[in-house]
Amino acid sequence: MNRTEFIVATAIILFVAFCLGWFASWLVNRFTRVSKAEIGELDRMAQALHEAEETRDQAITYLQQREAEITNQLSQTEAELRAAMDGLRDARREAEELRNHIDRQNAG
């Protein structure tokens, strides 16, 4: 095999390899191509996901507001309870003082 035959054989082999590569690429592209229906479905799924995220964010915001309201109500209720307990303690002390005063008057 002389030099010219070697160059021609190498060129033919490279051309065949190129053609096989191109054909394989075309096949892969053909089978992995996304159709318009699939793109539409992906768009619908993306929109549904976006709406779900918005709904989740709204729910989180609502829960945070509700938690703040309930915490505020709890603080107010605890303050009212402390005031009632202080009033009850004062009333008991006053009632005890009045009993002692009445007992001293009855005894004296």
Protein backbone atom coordinates (compact mmCIF):
# COMPACT_ATOMS: atom_id res chain seq x y z
CA MET A 1 0.00 0.00 0.00
CA ASN A 2 1.57 3.23 -1.13
CA ARG A 3 1.14 6.67 0.34
CA THR A 4 -1.79 7.76 -1.87
CA GLU A 5 -3.79 4.60 -1.18
CA PHE A 6 -3.16 5.04 2.53
CA ILE A 7 -4.42 8.65 2.45
CA VAL A 8 -7.53 7.68 0.46
CA ALA A 9 -8.28 4.73 2.79
CA THR A 10 -7.83 6.97 5.84
CA ALA A 11 -10.10 9.65 4.29
CA ILE A 12 -12.77 7.06 3.54
CA ILE A 13 -12.57 5.65 7.07
CA LEU A 14 -12.82 9.15 8.58
CA PHE A 15 -15.74 10.03 6.30
CA VAL A 16 -17.58 6.81 7.26
CA ALA A 17 -16.89 7.55 10.95
CA PHE A 18 -18.21 11.08 10.47
CA CYS A 19 -21.36 9.78 8.75
CA LEU A 20 -21.96 7.20 11.49
CA GLY A 21 -21.49 9.88 14.16
CA TRP A 22 -23.86 12.25 12.42
CA PHE A 23 -26.45 9.49 11.96
CA ALA A 24 -26.17 8.50 15.64
CA SER A 25 -26.55 12.14 16.66
CA TRP A 26 -29.62 12.49 14.43
CA LEU A 27 -31.17 9.34 15.95
CA VAL A 28 -30.57 10.52 19.50
CA ASN A 29 -31.96 13.94 18.69
CA ARG A 30 -35.00 12.41 17.00
CA PHE A 31 -35.86 10.15 19.95
CA THR A 32 -35.20 12.71 22.66
CA ARG A 33 -36.99 15.61 21.00
CA VAL A 34 -39.73 17.15 23.12
CA SER A 35 -43.06 17.52 21.35
CA LYS A 36 -45.28 20.59 21.56
CA ALA A 37 -47.82 18.61 23.59
CA GLU A 38 -45.13 17.76 26.12
CA ILE A 39 -44.02 21.38 26.24
CA GLY A 40 -47.64 22.40 26.87
CA GLU A 41 -47.88 19.83 29.65
CA LEU A 42 -44.64 21.13 31.17
CA ASP A 43 -46.03 24.67 31.03
CA ARG A 44 -49.22 23.55 32.78
CA MET A 45 -47.21 21.73 35.42
CA ALA A 46 -45.02 24.80 35.98
CA GLN A 47 -48.12 26.98 36.36
CA ALA A 48 -49.66 24.51 38.82
CA LEU A 49 -46.43 24.43 40.80
CA HIS A 50 -46.32 28.22 40.89
CA GLU A 51 -49.92 28.38 42.12
CA ALA A 52 -49.19 25.74 44.76
CA GLU A 53 -46.20 27.73 45.99
CA GLU A 54 -48.31 30.89 46.19
CA THR A 55 -50.99 29.00 48.13
CA ARG A 56 -48.33 27.64 50.47
CA ASP A 57 -46.93 31.13 51.03
CA GLN A 58 -50.42 32.47 51.76
CA ALA A 59 -51.06 29.63 54.21
CA ILE A 60 -47.76 30.31 55.99
CA THR A 61 -48.59 34.01 56.23
CA TYR A 62 -52.06 33.22 57.57
CA LEU A 63 -50.64 30.82 60.15
CA GLN A 64 -48.07 33.37 61.29
CA GLN A 65 -50.78 36.04 61.68
CA ARG A 66 -53.01 33.58 63.53
CA GLU A 67 -50.14 32.57 65.81
CA ALA A 68 -49.44 36.23 66.60
CA GLU A 69 -53.13 36.82 67.41
CA ILE A 70 -53.31 33.77 69.65
CA THR A 71 -50.07 34.73 71.41
CA ASN A 72 -51.49 38.20 72.00
CA GLN A 73 -54.74 36.71 73.36
CA LEU A 74 -52.76 34.40 75.62
CA SER A 75 -50.74 37.34 76.98
CA GLN A 76 -53.92 39.29 77.65
CA THR A 77 -55.55 36.30 79.34
CA GLU A 78 -52.49 35.73 81.52
CA ALA A 79 -52.50 39.41 82.50
CA GLU A 80 -56.22 39.20 83.37
CA LEU A 81 -55.56 36.03 85.39
CA ARG A 82 -52.77 37.72 87.35
CA ALA A 83 -55.04 40.69 88.03
CA ALA A 84 -57.86 38.39 89.16
CA MET A 85 -55.50 36.41 91.40
CA ASP A 86 -54.18 39.66 92.93
CA GLY A 87 -57.74 40.83 93.50
CA LEU A 88 -58.69 37.49 95.09
CA ARG A 89 -55.61 37.60 97.34
CA ASP A 90 -56.51 41.14 98.42
CA ALA A 91 -60.14 40.12 99.02
CA ARG A 92 -59.05 37.14 101.15
CA ARG A 93 -56.67 39.31 103.16
CA GLU A 94 -59.38 41.91 103.69
CA ALA A 95 -61.91 39.22 104.69
CA GLU A 96 -59.37 37.80 107.20
CA GLU A 97 -58.79 41.28 108.62
CA LEU A 98 -62.54 41.83 108.96
CA ARG A 99 -62.94 38.45 110.75
CA ASN A 100 -60.14 39.31 113.12
CA HIS A 101 -61.69 42.74 113.77
CA ILE A 102 -65.14 41.19 114.40
CA ASP A 103 -63.60 38.54 116.69
CA ARG A 104 -61.81 41.26 118.70
CA GLN A 105 -65.01 43.28 119.03
CA ASN A 106 -66.99 40.24 120.14
CA ALA A 107 -64.29 39.23 122.60
CA GLY A 108 -63.78 42.72 123.95
